[in-house]
Amino acid sequence: DKDDLCPQVAGKPEFKGCPDSDNDGIEDKNDECPQEAGTKAMNGCPDTDGDGIKDKEDACPKEAGLTAFYGCPDTDKD
């Protein structure tokens, strides 16, 4: 416990005893989405459609789109 930075919760040795609840390699305290596995590029949040917009900010998280359309596609290209 003397070396554990998070002695009240179970954690990982690589994070000095602090948790990574979703096992994405990002310590919960630095993870914007600690209950959903994500990437470092997305600060720990998922980007299901790979359009560079976090699912939690993406109006169309399962369909790649544009930032200008809040993550939704411009299907008619106008």
C-alpha atoms as a PDB file:
ATOM      1  CA  ASP A   1       0.000   0.000   0.000  1.00  0.00           C
ATOM      2  CA  LYS A   2       2.836   2.453   0.635  1.00  0.00           C
ATOM      3  CA  ASP A   3       3.735   2.417  -3.096  1.00  0.00           C
ATOM      4  CA  ASP A   4       0.127   2.167  -4.341  1.00  0.00           C
ATOM      5  CA  LEU A   5      -1.182   5.470  -5.729  1.00  0.00           C
ATOM      6  CA  CYS A   6      -4.770   4.139  -5.598  1.00  0.00           C
ATOM      7  CA  PRO A   7      -4.894   1.964  -2.455  1.00  0.00           C
ATOM      8  CA  GLN A   8      -8.701   1.963  -2.209  1.00  0.00           C
ATOM      9  CA  VAL A   9      -9.301   0.332  -5.623  1.00  0.00           C
ATOM     10  CA  ALA A  10      -7.757  -2.586  -7.472  1.00  0.00           C
ATOM     11  CA  GLY A  11      -5.403  -1.486 -10.195  1.00  0.00           C
ATOM     12  CA  LYS A  12      -2.546  -2.454 -12.441  1.00  0.00           C
ATOM     13  CA  PRO A  13       1.136  -2.505 -11.584  1.00  0.00           C
ATOM     14  CA  GLU A  14       2.022  -0.450 -14.675  1.00  0.00           C
ATOM     15  CA  PHE A  15      -0.208   2.337 -13.328  1.00  0.00           C
ATOM     16  CA  LYS A  16       1.248   2.071  -9.803  1.00  0.00           C
ATOM     17  CA  GLY A  17      -1.902   0.359  -8.560  1.00  0.00           C
ATOM     18  CA  CYS A  18      -4.446   2.611 -10.268  1.00  0.00           C
ATOM     19  CA  PRO A  19      -7.203   1.131 -12.451  1.00  0.00           C
ATOM     20  CA  ASP A  20      -7.786   0.844 -16.189  1.00  0.00           C
ATOM     21  CA  SER A  21     -11.421  -0.301 -16.028  1.00  0.00           C
ATOM     22  CA  ASP A  22     -11.882  -0.865 -19.782  1.00  0.00           C
ATOM     23  CA  ASN A  23      -8.421  -2.415 -20.340  1.00  0.00           C
ATOM     24  CA  ASP A  24      -7.519  -0.073 -23.197  1.00  0.00           C
ATOM     25  CA  GLY A  25      -4.080   0.758 -21.792  1.00  0.00           C
ATOM     26  CA  ILE A  26      -5.102   4.213 -20.566  1.00  0.00           C
ATOM     27  CA  GLU A  27      -5.302   4.788 -16.830  1.00  0.00           C
ATOM     28  CA  ASP A  28      -8.842   5.745 -15.716  1.00  0.00           C
ATOM     29  CA  LYS A  29      -7.754   9.147 -14.388  1.00  0.00           C
ATOM     30  CA  ASN A  30      -6.467  10.046 -17.885  1.00  0.00           C
ATOM     31  CA  ASP A  31      -9.278   8.317 -19.803  1.00  0.00           C
ATOM     32  CA  GLU A  32     -12.251  10.438 -20.986  1.00  0.00           C
ATOM     33  CA  CYS A  33     -14.271   7.219 -21.429  1.00  0.00           C
ATOM     34  CA  PRO A  34     -13.044   4.897 -18.655  1.00  0.00           C
ATOM     35  CA  GLN A  35     -15.889   2.401 -19.133  1.00  0.00           C
ATOM     36  CA  GLU A  36     -15.463   2.058 -22.935  1.00  0.00           C
ATOM     37  CA  ALA A  37     -12.255   0.891 -24.599  1.00  0.00           C
ATOM     38  CA  GLY A  38     -10.762   3.516 -26.871  1.00  0.00           C
ATOM     39  CA  THR A  39      -7.498   4.791 -28.259  1.00  0.00           C
ATOM     40  CA  LYS A  40      -4.845   7.213 -27.053  1.00  0.00           C
ATOM     41  CA  ALA A  41      -5.581   9.427 -30.066  1.00  0.00           C
ATOM     42  CA  MET A  42      -9.182   9.753 -28.837  1.00  0.00           C
ATOM     43  CA  ASN A  43      -8.140  10.245 -25.168  1.00  0.00           C
ATOM     44  CA  GLY A  44      -9.442   6.783 -24.307  1.00  0.00           C
ATOM     45  CA  CYS A  45     -12.764   7.054 -26.130  1.00  0.00           C
ATOM     46  CA  PRO A  46     -13.928   4.838 -28.985  1.00  0.00           C
ATOM     47  CA  ASP A  47     -14.327   6.011 -32.590  1.00  0.00           C
ATOM     48  CA  THR A  48     -16.363   3.126 -34.004  1.00  0.00           C
ATOM     49  CA  ASP A  49     -16.566   4.438 -37.573  1.00  0.00           C
ATOM     50  CA  GLY A  50     -12.970   5.708 -37.725  1.00  0.00           C
ATOM     51  CA  ASP A  51     -13.841   9.230 -38.830  1.00  0.00           C
ATOM     52  CA  GLY A  52     -11.728  10.915 -36.162  1.00  0.00           C
ATOM     53  CA  ILE A  53     -14.691  11.991 -34.026  1.00  0.00           C
ATOM     54  CA  LYS A  54     -15.237  10.381 -30.609  1.00  0.00           C
ATOM     55  CA  ASP A  55     -18.429   8.322 -30.478  1.00  0.00           C
ATOM     56  CA  LYS A  56     -19.708  10.425 -27.563  1.00  0.00           C
ATOM     57  CA  GLU A  57     -19.477  13.552 -29.792  1.00  0.00           C
ATOM     58  CA  ASP A  58     -20.505  11.842 -33.058  1.00  0.00           C
ATOM     59  CA  ALA A  59     -24.146  12.195 -34.173  1.00  0.00           C
ATOM     60  CA  CYS A  60     -23.617   9.173 -36.486  1.00  0.00           C
ATOM     61  CA  PRO A  61     -21.120   6.961 -34.593  1.00  0.00           C
ATOM     62  CA  LYS A  62     -21.594   3.923 -36.857  1.00  0.00           C
ATOM     63  CA  GLU A  63     -21.276   5.824 -40.145  1.00  0.00           C
ATOM     64  CA  ALA A  64     -18.139   7.790 -41.088  1.00  0.00           C
ATOM     65  CA  GLY A  65     -18.807  11.452 -41.617  1.00  0.00           C
ATOM     66  CA  LEU A  66     -17.504  14.982 -41.473  1.00  0.00           C
ATOM     67  CA  THR A  67     -16.759  17.252 -38.542  1.00  0.00           C
ATOM     68  CA  ALA A  68     -18.935  19.944 -40.130  1.00  0.00           C
ATOM     69  CA  PHE A  69     -21.891  17.540 -39.931  1.00  0.00           C
ATOM     70  CA  TYR A  70     -21.144  16.378 -36.364  1.00  0.00           C
ATOM     71  CA  GLY A  71     -19.776  13.091 -37.672  1.00  0.00           C
ATOM     72  CA  CYS A  72     -22.532  12.381 -40.147  1.00  0.00           C
ATOM     73  CA  PRO A  73     -21.891  11.932 -43.880  1.00  0.00           C
ATOM     74  CA  ASP A  74     -22.813  14.364 -46.618  1.00  0.00           C
ATOM     75  CA  THR A  75     -24.488  11.743 -48.823  1.00  0.00           C
ATOM     76  CA  ASP A  76     -25.543  14.119 -51.572  1.00  0.00           C
ATOM     77  CA  LYS A  77     -22.099  15.834 -51.646  1.00  0.00           C
ATOM     78  CA  ASP A  78     -23.480  19.363 -51.503  1.00  0.00           C
END
